[in-house]
C-alpha atoms as a PDB file:
ATOM      1  CA  UNK A   1     104.252 105.254  81.597  1.00  0.00           C
ATOM      2  CA  UNK A   2     106.835 104.063  83.867  1.00  0.00           C
ATOM      3  CA  UNK A   3     106.352 100.491  85.326  1.00  0.00           C
ATOM      4  CA  UNK A   4     108.079  98.751  88.240  1.00  0.00           C
ATOM      5  CA  UNK A   5     110.516  96.062  88.260  1.00  0.00           C
ATOM      6  CA  UNK A   6     109.852  92.959  90.359  1.00  0.00           C
ATOM      7  CA  UNK A   7     112.708  91.733  92.516  1.00  0.00           C
ATOM      8  CA  UNK A   8     113.276  89.466  95.521  1.00  0.00           C
ATOM      9  CA  UNK A   9     115.143  89.329  98.654  1.00  0.00           C
ATOM     10  CA  UNK A  10     115.966  86.092 100.675  1.00  0.00           C
ATOM     11  CA  UNK A  11     114.813  86.337 104.251  1.00  0.00           C
ATOM     12  CA  UNK A  12     116.068  84.268 107.244  1.00  0.00           C
ATOM     13  CA  UNK A  13     113.588  83.030 109.754  1.00  0.00           C
ATOM     14  CA  UNK A  14     110.444  81.129 109.096  1.00  0.00           C
ATOM     15  CA  UNK A  15     110.377  78.577 106.360  1.00  0.00           C
ATOM     16  CA  UNK A  16     108.443  78.911 103.177  1.00  0.00           C
ATOM     17  CA  UNK A  17     105.645  76.617 102.476  1.00  0.00           C
ATOM     18  CA  UNK A  18     107.437  73.537 101.087  1.00  0.00           C
ATOM     19  CA  UNK A  19     110.874  74.745 102.130  1.00  0.00           C
ATOM     20  CA  UNK A  20     113.080  74.357 105.111  1.00  0.00           C
ATOM     21  CA  UNK A  21     114.202  76.575 108.056  1.00  0.00           C
ATOM     22  CA  UNK A  22     117.653  76.861 106.608  1.00  0.00           C
ATOM     23  CA  UNK A  23     116.321  78.267 103.340  1.00  0.00           C
ATOM     24  CA  UNK A  24     114.018  80.765 105.079  1.00  0.00           C
ATOM     25  CA  UNK A  25     111.528  82.500 102.583  1.00  0.00           C
ATOM     26  CA  UNK A  26     111.679  84.886  99.767  1.00  0.00           C
ATOM     27  CA  UNK A  27     110.073  88.362  99.803  1.00  0.00           C
ATOM     28  CA  UNK A  28     109.075  90.046  96.654  1.00  0.00           C
ATOM     29  CA  UNK A  29     109.261  93.745  96.006  1.00  0.00           C
ATOM     30  CA  UNK A  30     108.391  96.237  93.310  1.00  0.00           C
ATOM     31  CA  UNK A  31     111.100  98.866  92.627  1.00  0.00           C
ATOM     32  CA  UNK A  32     110.236 102.258  90.897  1.00  0.00           C
ATOM     33  CA  UNK A  33     112.853 104.536  89.722  1.00  0.00           C
ATOM     34  CA  UNK A  34     112.181 107.545  87.184  1.00  0.00           C
ATOM     35  CA  UNK A  35     115.257 109.663  88.483  1.00  0.00           C
ATOM     36  CA  UNK A  36     117.697 108.579  85.694  1.00  0.00           C
ATOM     37  CA  UNK A  37     120.017 107.205  88.413  1.00  0.00           C
ATOM     38  CA  UNK A  38     119.674 103.554  89.176  1.00  0.00           C
ATOM     39  CA  UNK A  39     121.782 103.939  92.344  1.00  0.00           C
ATOM     40  CA  UNK A  40     119.815 107.049  93.523  1.00  0.00           C
ATOM     41  CA  UNK A  41     120.769 107.598  97.207  1.00  0.00           C
ATOM     42  CA  UNK A  42     117.232 108.313  98.477  1.00  0.00           C
ATOM     43  CA  UNK A  43     114.917 105.292  99.035  1.00  0.00           C
ATOM     44  CA  UNK A  44     111.295 105.416 100.002  1.00  0.00           C
ATOM     45  CA  UNK A  45     109.805 102.212 101.283  1.00  0.00           C
ATOM     46  CA  UNK A  46     106.065 101.775 100.987  1.00  0.00           C
ATOM     47  CA  UNK A  47     104.323  98.912 102.934  1.00  0.00           C
ATOM     48  CA  UNK A  48     100.824  97.942 102.488  1.00  0.00           C
ATOM     49  CA  UNK A  49      98.000  96.837 104.895  1.00  0.00           C
ATOM     50  CA  UNK A  50      96.977  93.461 106.208  1.00  0.00           C
ATOM     51  CA  UNK A  51      95.351  91.870 103.242  1.00  0.00           C
ATOM     52  CA  UNK A  52      96.749  94.030 100.542  1.00  0.00           C
ATOM     53  CA  UNK A  53     100.132  93.977  98.366  1.00  0.00           C
ATOM     54  CA  UNK A  54     102.717  96.351  97.118  1.00  0.00           C
ATOM     55  CA  UNK A  55     100.865  97.321  93.816  1.00  0.00           C
ATOM     56  CA  UNK A  56      98.458  99.276  96.066  1.00  0.00           C
ATOM     57  CA  UNK A  57     101.182 102.131  95.839  1.00  0.00           C
ATOM     58  CA  UNK A  58     101.414 102.426  91.999  1.00  0.00           C
ATOM     59  CA  UNK A  59      99.986 105.943  91.830  1.00  0.00           C
ATOM     60  CA  UNK A  60     101.899 107.316  94.695  1.00  0.00           C
ATOM     61  CA  UNK A  61     105.090 105.456  93.485  1.00  0.00           C
ATOM     62  CA  UNK A  62     104.983 106.953  90.116  1.00  0.00           C
ATOM     63  CA  UNK A  63     104.756 110.470  91.624  1.00  0.00           C
ATOM     64  CA  UNK A  64     107.579 109.792  94.140  1.00  0.00           C
ATOM     65  CA  UNK A  65     109.913 107.886  91.612  1.00  0.00           C
ATOM     66  CA  UNK A  66     110.874 111.110  90.029  1.00  0.00           C
ATOM     67  CA  UNK A  67     112.795 111.952  93.178  1.00  0.00           C
ATOM     68  CA  UNK A  68     113.762 108.647  94.733  1.00  0.00           C
ATOM     69  CA  UNK A  69     113.993 104.883  94.347  1.00  0.00           C
ATOM     70  CA  UNK A  70     110.539 103.713  95.495  1.00  0.00           C
ATOM     71  CA  UNK A  71     110.398 100.123  96.968  1.00  0.00           C
ATOM     72  CA  UNK A  72     107.024  98.400  97.570  1.00  0.00           C
ATOM     73  CA  UNK A  73     107.280  94.992  99.104  1.00  0.00           C
ATOM     74  CA  UNK A  74     104.732  92.313  99.161  1.00  0.00           C
ATOM     75  CA  UNK A  75     104.727  91.244 102.856  1.00  0.00           C
ATOM     76  CA  UNK A  76     105.189  87.477 103.320  1.00  0.00           C
ATOM     77  CA  UNK A  77     102.028  85.525 102.374  1.00  0.00           C
ATOM     78  CA  UNK A  78     100.913  88.225  99.945  1.00  0.00           C
ATOM     79  CA  UNK A  79     101.406  89.056  96.328  1.00  0.00           C
ATOM     80  CA  UNK A  80     104.464  87.484  94.736  1.00  0.00           C
ATOM     81  CA  UNK A  81     106.094  86.641  98.025  1.00  0.00           C
ATOM     82  CA  UNK A  82     106.470  83.234  99.468  1.00  0.00           C
ATOM     83  CA  UNK A  83     103.636  81.806 101.788  1.00  0.00           C
ATOM     84  CA  UNK A  84     104.994  80.622 105.154  1.00  0.00           C
ATOM     85  CA  UNK A  85     104.728  77.038 106.354  1.00  0.00           C
ATOM     86  CA  UNK A  86     103.705  78.088 109.811  1.00  0.00           C
ATOM     87  CA  UNK A  87     100.622  80.382 109.752  1.00  0.00           C
ATOM     88  CA  UNK A  88     101.454  81.638 113.256  1.00  0.00           C
ATOM     89  CA  UNK A  89     104.572  83.095 111.808  1.00  0.00           C
ATOM     90  CA  UNK A  90     102.510  85.933 110.102  1.00  0.00           C
ATOM     91  CA  UNK A  91     103.360  88.410 112.792  1.00  0.00           C
ATOM     92  CA  UNK A  92     104.755  91.967 112.793  1.00  0.00           C
ATOM     93  CA  UNK A  93     108.247  91.054 114.240  1.00  0.00           C
ATOM     94  CA  UNK A  94     108.803  88.601 111.353  1.00  0.00           C
ATOM     95  CA  UNK A  95     107.751  91.295 108.817  1.00  0.00           C
ATOM     96  CA  UNK A  96     110.104  93.907 110.477  1.00  0.00           C
ATOM     97  CA  UNK A  97     112.966  91.354 110.201  1.00  0.00           C
ATOM     98  CA  UNK A  98     112.090  90.851 106.485  1.00  0.00           C
ATOM     99  CA  UNK A  99     112.266  94.603 105.878  1.00  0.00           C
ATOM    100  CA  UNK A 100     115.570  94.727 107.641  1.00  0.00           C
ATOM    101  CA  UNK A 101     116.881  92.115 105.157  1.00  0.00           C
ATOM    102  CA  UNK A 102     115.334  94.268 102.324  1.00  0.00           C
ATOM    103  CA  UNK A 103     117.043  97.440 103.382  1.00  0.00           C
ATOM    104  CA  UNK A 104     120.339  95.656 103.817  1.00  0.00           C
ATOM    105  CA  UNK A 105     120.145  94.213 100.331  1.00  0.00           C
ATOM    106  CA  UNK A 106     119.243  97.680  98.848  1.00  0.00           C
ATOM    107  CA  UNK A 107     122.160  99.187 100.632  1.00  0.00           C
ATOM    108  CA  UNK A 108     124.536  96.690  99.181  1.00  0.00           C
ATOM    109  CA  UNK A 109     123.185  97.278  95.680  1.00  0.00           C
ATOM    110  CA  UNK A 110     123.592 100.987  95.948  1.00  0.00           C
ATOM    111  CA  UNK A 111     124.379 102.869  99.310  1.00  0.00           C
ATOM    112  CA  UNK A 112     121.386 104.492 100.993  1.00  0.00           C
ATOM    113  CA  UNK A 113     121.862 108.101 102.112  1.00  0.00           C
ATOM    114  CA  UNK A 114     118.306 109.043 102.793  1.00  0.00           C
ATOM    115  CA  UNK A 115     115.547 106.582 103.829  1.00  0.00           C
ATOM    116  CA  UNK A 116     111.866 107.333 104.249  1.00  0.00           C
ATOM    117  CA  UNK A 117     108.920 105.041 105.055  1.00  0.00           C
ATOM    118  CA  UNK A 118     105.199 105.014 104.088  1.00  0.00           C
ATOM    119  CA  UNK A 119     103.106 102.538 105.951  1.00  0.00           C
ATOM    120  CA  UNK A 120      99.413 101.901 105.521  1.00  0.00           C
ATOM    121  CA  UNK A 121      97.740 100.167 108.534  1.00  0.00           C
ATOM    122  CA  UNK A 122      99.875  97.047 109.060  1.00  0.00           C
ATOM    123  CA  UNK A 123     102.613  98.647 107.003  1.00  0.00           C
ATOM    124  CA  UNK A 124     102.507 101.502 109.632  1.00  0.00           C
ATOM    125  CA  UNK A 125     102.845  99.145 112.558  1.00  0.00           C
ATOM    126  CA  UNK A 126     105.844  97.508 110.906  1.00  0.00           C
ATOM    127  CA  UNK A 127     107.271 101.080 110.342  1.00  0.00           C
ATOM    128  CA  UNK A 128     106.848 101.813 114.053  1.00  0.00           C
ATOM    129  CA  UNK A 129     108.797  98.708 114.931  1.00  0.00           C
ATOM    130  CA  UNK A 130     111.553  99.499 112.401  1.00  0.00           C
ATOM    131  CA  UNK A 131     111.765 103.143 113.493  1.00  0.00           C
ATOM    132  CA  UNK A 132     111.266 102.685 117.254  1.00  0.00           C
ATOM    133  CA  UNK A 133     114.153 100.178 117.947  1.00  0.00           C
ATOM    134  CA  UNK A 134     117.193 102.350 118.308  1.00  0.00           C
ATOM    135  CA  UNK A 135     119.594  99.382 118.187  1.00  0.00           C
ATOM    136  CA  UNK A 136     118.135  97.934 114.936  1.00  0.00           C
ATOM    137  CA  UNK A 137     121.082  97.713 112.390  1.00  0.00           C
ATOM    138  CA  UNK A 138     119.515  99.916 109.679  1.00  0.00           C
ATOM    139  CA  UNK A 139     121.810 101.145 106.869  1.00  0.00           C
ATOM    140  CA  UNK A 140     120.625 104.661 107.788  1.00  0.00           C
ATOM    141  CA  UNK A 141     118.071 105.912 110.156  1.00  0.00           C
ATOM    142  CA  UNK A 142     114.615 106.534 108.788  1.00  0.00           C
ATOM    143  CA  UNK A 143     114.297 110.304 108.157  1.00  0.00           C
ATOM    144  CA  UNK A 144     110.600 110.706 107.670  1.00  0.00           C
ATOM    145  CA  UNK A 145     107.827 108.308 108.480  1.00  0.00           C
ATOM    146  CA  UNK A 146     104.211 108.421 107.107  1.00  0.00           C
ATOM    147  CA  UNK A 147     101.670 106.490 109.145  1.00  0.00           C
ATOM    148  CA  UNK A 148      98.577 105.972 107.055  1.00  0.00           C
ATOM    149  CA  UNK A 149      95.545 105.648 109.492  1.00  0.00           C
ATOM    150  CA  UNK A 150      97.290 103.570 112.158  1.00  0.00           C
ATOM    151  CA  UNK A 151      98.880 104.232 115.513  1.00  0.00           C
ATOM    152  CA  UNK A 152      99.829 102.312 118.634  1.00  0.00           C
ATOM    153  CA  UNK A 153      96.280 102.003 119.798  1.00  0.00           C
ATOM    154  CA  UNK A 154      93.949 100.036 117.466  1.00  0.00           C
ATOM    155  CA  UNK A 155      90.160 100.090 118.167  1.00  0.00           C
ATOM    156  CA  UNK A 156      88.877  96.585 119.025  1.00  0.00           C
ATOM    157  CA  UNK A 157      85.725  97.124 117.030  1.00  0.00           C
ATOM    158  CA  UNK A 158      87.879  97.477 113.857  1.00  0.00           C
ATOM    159  CA  UNK A 159      89.787  94.359 114.653  1.00  0.00           C
ATOM    160  CA  UNK A 160      86.508  92.475 114.883  1.00  0.00           C
ATOM    161  CA  UNK A 161      85.240  93.881 111.565  1.00  0.00           C
ATOM    162  CA  UNK A 162      88.380  92.876 109.667  1.00  0.00           C
ATOM    163  CA  UNK A 163      88.198  89.470 111.294  1.00  0.00           C
ATOM    164  CA  UNK A 164      84.797  88.927 109.635  1.00  0.00           C
ATOM    165  CA  UNK A 165      86.218  88.822 106.217  1.00  0.00           C
ATOM    166  CA  UNK A 166      89.930  88.092 106.498  1.00  0.00           C
ATOM    167  CA  UNK A 167      90.920  84.695 105.162  1.00  0.00           C
ATOM    168  CA  UNK A 168      87.425  83.905 103.829  1.00  0.00           C
ATOM    169  CA  UNK A 169      87.758  81.733 100.596  1.00  0.00           C
ATOM    170  CA  UNK A 170      86.418  83.495  97.498  1.00  0.00           C
ATOM    171  CA  UNK A 171      86.313  82.536  93.794  1.00  0.00           C
ATOM    172  CA  UNK A 172      85.581  85.137  91.059  1.00  0.00           C
ATOM    173  CA  UNK A 173      84.650  84.522  87.442  1.00  0.00           C
ATOM    174  CA  UNK A 174      86.081  87.894  86.368  1.00  0.00           C
ATOM    175  CA  UNK A 175      88.197  90.820  87.595  1.00  0.00           C
ATOM    176  CA  UNK A 176      85.032  93.006  87.699  1.00  0.00           C
ATOM    177  CA  UNK A 177      83.355  90.412  89.838  1.00  0.00           C
ATOM    178  CA  UNK A 178      86.325  90.400  92.121  1.00  0.00           C
ATOM    179  CA  UNK A 179      86.421  94.205  92.174  1.00  0.00           C
ATOM    180  CA  UNK A 180      82.736  94.253  93.157  1.00  0.00           C
ATOM    181  CA  UNK A 181      83.251  91.839  96.001  1.00  0.00           C
ATOM    182  CA  UNK A 182      86.204  93.596  97.305  1.00  0.00           C
ATOM    183  CA  UNK A 183      84.340  96.887  97.375  1.00  0.00           C
ATOM    184  CA  UNK A 184      81.867  95.353  99.650  1.00  0.00           C
ATOM    185  CA  UNK A 185      84.456  94.922 102.333  1.00  0.00           C
ATOM    186  CA  UNK A 186      86.537  98.174 101.406  1.00  0.00           C
ATOM    187  CA  UNK A 187      83.972 100.894 100.988  1.00  0.00           C
ATOM    188  CA  UNK A 188      85.565 102.582 104.018  1.00  0.00           C
ATOM    189  CA  UNK A 189      88.499 103.422 101.749  1.00  0.00           C
ATOM    190  CA  UNK A 190      86.472 106.379 100.488  1.00  0.00           C
ATOM    191  CA  UNK A 191      85.201 107.494  97.075  1.00  0.00           C
ATOM    192  CA  UNK A 192      86.843 106.038  93.944  1.00  0.00           C
ATOM    193  CA  UNK A 193      85.909 106.096  90.352  1.00  0.00           C
ATOM    194  CA  UNK A 194      85.051 102.659  88.907  1.00  0.00           C
ATOM    195  CA  UNK A 195      88.339 102.731  86.830  1.00  0.00           C
ATOM    196  CA  UNK A 196      90.428 103.516  89.943  1.00  0.00           C
ATOM    197  CA  UNK A 197      88.760 100.750  91.951  1.00  0.00           C
ATOM    198  CA  UNK A 198      89.248  98.234  89.142  1.00  0.00           C
ATOM    199  CA  UNK A 199      92.851  99.210  88.876  1.00  0.00           C
ATOM    200  CA  UNK A 200      93.359  98.751  92.596  1.00  0.00           C
ATOM    201  CA  UNK A 201      91.725  95.379  92.409  1.00  0.00           C
ATOM    202  CA  UNK A 202      93.844  93.961  89.582  1.00  0.00           C
ATOM    203  CA  UNK A 203      96.757  92.820  91.752  1.00  0.00           C
ATOM    204  CA  UNK A 204      94.377  91.556  94.421  1.00  0.00           C
ATOM    205  CA  UNK A 205      93.638  88.274  92.471  1.00  0.00           C
ATOM    206  CA  UNK A 206      95.477  85.473  91.023  1.00  0.00           C
ATOM    207  CA  UNK A 207      94.388  82.683  88.538  1.00  0.00           C
ATOM    208  CA  UNK A 208      92.809  79.900  90.369  1.00  0.00           C
ATOM    209  CA  UNK A 209      93.779  76.229  89.598  1.00  0.00           C
ATOM    210  CA  UNK A 210      90.153  75.479  88.803  1.00  0.00           C
ATOM    211  CA  UNK A 211      89.929  78.463  86.487  1.00  0.00           C
ATOM    212  CA  UNK A 212      88.636  81.955  87.255  1.00  0.00           C
ATOM    213  CA  UNK A 213      90.430  84.069  89.912  1.00  0.00           C
ATOM    214  CA  UNK A 214      91.250  83.753  93.682  1.00  0.00           C
ATOM    215  CA  UNK A 215      92.497  86.153  96.187  1.00  0.00           C
ATOM    216  CA  UNK A 216      96.268  86.899  96.078  1.00  0.00           C
ATOM    217  CA  UNK A 217      97.068  86.096  99.722  1.00  0.00           C
ATOM    218  CA  UNK A 218      97.519  83.034 101.788  1.00  0.00           C
ATOM    219  CA  UNK A 219      94.150  82.632 103.636  1.00  0.00           C
ATOM    220  CA  UNK A 220      96.143  81.346 106.587  1.00  0.00           C
ATOM    221  CA  UNK A 221      97.211  84.866 107.541  1.00  0.00           C
ATOM    222  CA  UNK A 222      93.887  85.007 109.396  1.00  0.00           C
ATOM    223  CA  UNK A 223      94.984  82.396 111.823  1.00  0.00           C
ATOM    224  CA  UNK A 224      97.407  84.575 113.627  1.00  0.00           C
ATOM    225  CA  UNK A 225      95.171  87.509 113.440  1.00  0.00           C
ATOM    226  CA  UNK A 226      92.139  85.793 114.852  1.00  0.00           C
ATOM    227  CA  UNK A 227      94.297  84.560 117.726  1.00  0.00           C
ATOM    228  CA  UNK A 228      94.484  88.058 118.945  1.00  0.00           C
ATOM    229  CA  UNK A 229      92.451  88.824 121.978  1.00  0.00           C
ATOM    230  CA  UNK A 230      91.629  92.117 123.712  1.00  0.00           C
ATOM    231  CA  UNK A 231      94.102  91.252 126.448  1.00  0.00           C
ATOM    232  CA  UNK A 232      97.000  90.503 124.148  1.00  0.00           C
ATOM    233  CA  UNK A 233      96.038  93.554 121.946  1.00  0.00           C
ATOM    234  CA  UNK A 234      96.213  95.707 125.111  1.00  0.00           C
ATOM    235  CA  UNK A 235      99.734  94.288 126.039  1.00  0.00           C
ATOM    236  CA  UNK A 236     100.876  94.889 122.488  1.00  0.00           C
ATOM    237  CA  UNK A 237      99.509  98.421 122.545  1.00  0.00           C
ATOM    238  CA  UNK A 238     101.889  99.378 125.577  1.00  0.00           C
ATOM    239  CA  UNK A 239     104.812  97.920 123.683  1.00  0.00           C
ATOM    240  CA  UNK A 240     103.906  99.971 120.509  1.00  0.00           C
ATOM    241  CA  UNK A 241     103.639 103.120 122.501  1.00  0.00           C
ATOM    242  CA  UNK A 242     107.020 102.523 123.988  1.00  0.00           C
ATOM    243  CA  UNK A 243     108.343 102.125 120.300  1.00  0.00           C
ATOM    244  CA  UNK A 244     106.475 105.174 119.094  1.00  0.00           C
ATOM    245  CA  UNK A 245     107.991 107.390 121.840  1.00  0.00           C
ATOM    246  CA  UNK A 246     111.478 106.291 120.688  1.00  0.00           C
ATOM    247  CA  UNK A 247     111.000 107.238 117.071  1.00  0.00           C
ATOM    248  CA  UNK A 248     113.428 110.162 115.980  1.00  0.00           C
ATOM    249  CA  UNK A 249     112.124 110.486 112.476  1.00  0.00           C
ATOM    250  CA  UNK A 250     109.709 113.294 111.535  1.00  0.00           C
ATOM    251  CA  UNK A 251     106.198 111.808 111.498  1.00  0.00           C
ATOM    252  CA  UNK A 252     103.230 112.547 109.266  1.00  0.00           C
ATOM    253  CA  UNK A 253      99.972 110.904 110.495  1.00  0.00           C
ATOM    254  CA  UNK A 254      97.193 110.475 107.957  1.00  0.00           C
ATOM    255  CA  UNK A 255      93.655 109.671 109.139  1.00  0.00           C
ATOM    256  CA  UNK A 256      90.500 109.018 107.390  1.00  0.00           C
ATOM    257  CA  UNK A 257      87.952 111.271 109.224  1.00  0.00           C
ATOM    258  CA  UNK A 258      85.512 108.368 109.527  1.00  0.00           C
ATOM    259  CA  UNK A 259      88.196 105.763 110.486  1.00  0.00           C
ATOM    260  CA  UNK A 260      87.074 103.098 113.008  1.00  0.00           C
ATOM    261  CA  UNK A 261      90.618 101.934 113.539  1.00  0.00           C
ATOM    262  CA  UNK A 262      92.493 105.094 114.459  1.00  0.00           C
ATOM    263  CA  UNK A 263      90.420 107.149 116.835  1.00  0.00           C
ATOM    264  CA  UNK A 264      90.617 110.994 117.194  1.00  0.00           C
ATOM    265  CA  UNK A 265      91.794 110.560 120.655  1.00  0.00           C
ATOM    266  CA  UNK A 266      94.769 108.245 119.623  1.00  0.00           C
ATOM    267  CA  UNK A 267      95.649 110.745 116.872  1.00  0.00           C
ATOM    268  CA  UNK A 268      95.656 113.485 119.248  1.00  0.00           C
ATOM    269  CA  UNK A 269      97.931 111.632 121.740  1.00  0.00           C
ATOM    270  CA  UNK A 270     100.282 110.855 118.770  1.00  0.00           C
ATOM    271  CA  UNK A 271     100.545 114.602 118.223  1.00  0.00           C
ATOM    272  CA  UNK A 272     101.407 115.278 121.704  1.00  0.00           C
ATOM    273  CA  UNK A 273     104.050 112.586 122.548  1.00  0.00           C
ATOM    274  CA  UNK A 274     107.157 110.921 121.216  1.00  0.00           C
ATOM    275  CA  UNK A 275     107.903 112.339 117.795  1.00  0.00           C
ATOM    276  CA  UNK A 276     104.722 114.619 117.868  1.00  0.00           C
ATOM    277  CA  UNK A 277     103.173 113.560 114.527  1.00  0.00           C
ATOM    278  CA  UNK A 278     101.769 116.191 112.144  1.00  0.00           C
ATOM    279  CA  UNK A 279      98.084 115.228 111.364  1.00  0.00           C
ATOM    280  CA  UNK A 280      96.270 115.474 108.169  1.00  0.00           C
ATOM    281  CA  UNK A 281      92.681 114.136 107.999  1.00  0.00           C
ATOM    282  CA  UNK A 282      90.740 113.341 104.736  1.00  0.00           C
ATOM    283  CA  UNK A 283      86.986 113.934 104.727  1.00  0.00           C
ATOM    284  CA  UNK A 284      84.745 111.253 103.494  1.00  0.00           C
ATOM    285  CA  UNK A 285      87.281 108.469 104.127  1.00  0.00           C
ATOM    286  CA  UNK A 286      87.367 105.742 106.806  1.00  0.00           C
ATOM    287  CA  UNK A 287      90.087 103.067 107.175  1.00  0.00           C
ATOM    288  CA  UNK A 288      92.248 103.557 105.257  1.00  0.00           C
ATOM    289  CA  UNK A 289      93.053 106.274 102.528  1.00  0.00           C
ATOM    290  CA  UNK A 290      94.363 104.350  99.510  1.00  0.00           C
ATOM    291  CA  UNK A 291      96.705 107.228  98.504  1.00  0.00           C
ATOM    292  CA  UNK A 292      95.298 107.135  94.981  1.00  0.00           C
ATOM    293  CA  UNK A 293      93.562 110.529  94.563  1.00  0.00           C
ATOM    294  CA  UNK A 294      95.785 113.531  93.871  1.00  0.00           C
ATOM    295  CA  UNK A 295      94.975 115.329  97.187  1.00  0.00           C
ATOM    296  CA  UNK A 296      96.277 112.416  99.243  1.00  0.00           C
ATOM    297  CA  UNK A 297      99.316 111.865  97.013  1.00  0.00           C
ATOM    298  CA  UNK A 298     100.366 115.462  97.035  1.00  0.00           C
ATOM    299  CA  UNK A 299     100.231 115.494 100.966  1.00  0.00           C
ATOM    300  CA  UNK A 300     102.583 112.600 101.032  1.00  0.00           C
ATOM    301  CA  UNK A 301     104.866 113.927  98.365  1.00  0.00           C
ATOM    302  CA  UNK A 302     105.085 117.319  99.860  1.00  0.00           C
ATOM    303  CA  UNK A 303     106.205 115.796 103.159  1.00  0.00           C
ATOM    304  CA  UNK A 304     108.809 113.487 101.705  1.00  0.00           C
ATOM    305  CA  UNK A 305     110.421 115.569  98.841  1.00  0.00           C
ATOM    306  CA  UNK A 306     110.368 119.078 100.197  1.00  0.00           C
ATOM    307  CA  UNK A 307     113.346 121.066 101.341  1.00  0.00           C
ATOM    308  CA  UNK A 308     116.539 119.116 102.195  1.00  0.00           C
ATOM    309  CA  UNK A 309     115.638 116.101  99.991  1.00  0.00           C
ATOM    310  CA  UNK A 310     115.454 118.291  96.895  1.00  0.00           C
ATOM    311  CA  UNK A 311     118.942 119.593  97.662  1.00  0.00           C
ATOM    312  CA  UNK A 312     120.163 115.921  98.247  1.00  0.00           C
ATOM    313  CA  UNK A 313     118.763 114.811  95.015  1.00  0.00           C
END
């Protein structure tokens, strides 16, 4: 079974913990390629949610990597990426700048011809920023954008729910214990077999200095998140709608039918303005679909590799 290659990109901007501003920080990414062409011109970037990491996309990436290079970054402070010295730097504009550095590095390695984006929750917000700024120096414009259970308007009740567990210290004696604890805050992801959930949980933990396991991410990412107020969220929403309205990519909007973060009203508005997203809802799922089950994977694959892409490949 194909496995990804772990790579890194140097990113200017906020310093890594223990580093200097001149050095910036380093972002890790997992690259999948089963096309037989290491310089394949079609790149699909898959960006994870707030407290997750790039290995969330393993199942989807294996499917897509037959047709493209699939790149799954660990956003700063998560997975194998550097933690930041200033916790208030854990913000979407910093993440978007890191993605630009990643795309530029990929383009230098092998020129991009077709670029697509899959973003779950926070990864979708980053995607809106990357796609909605017309003057951003992307190697090529994003052709197709998948927004997984996120939009310009985020329900405040969901922000409060996430804030209750984000950044809480945790120690686990085993992977199974970690998986059980993670499920307690992630059951809205929808039905999974025990094997599927254990596999999703594997990259969510790291060896702890005192033995056992700890969460993979810098707990300080909660500081910037918890500084958010309803007033600042409302102001950010207006900016996100402006960005959304400027998106020229074709947009597929995925929604868990029981999502508390992306409301039916917001999804409807996203279908009627800007790029006029096409909506697909998944029954029995809240925030957010994990893109592990075949039904969800095939919806994304059909959107990204149909028609012109097959000819370009």
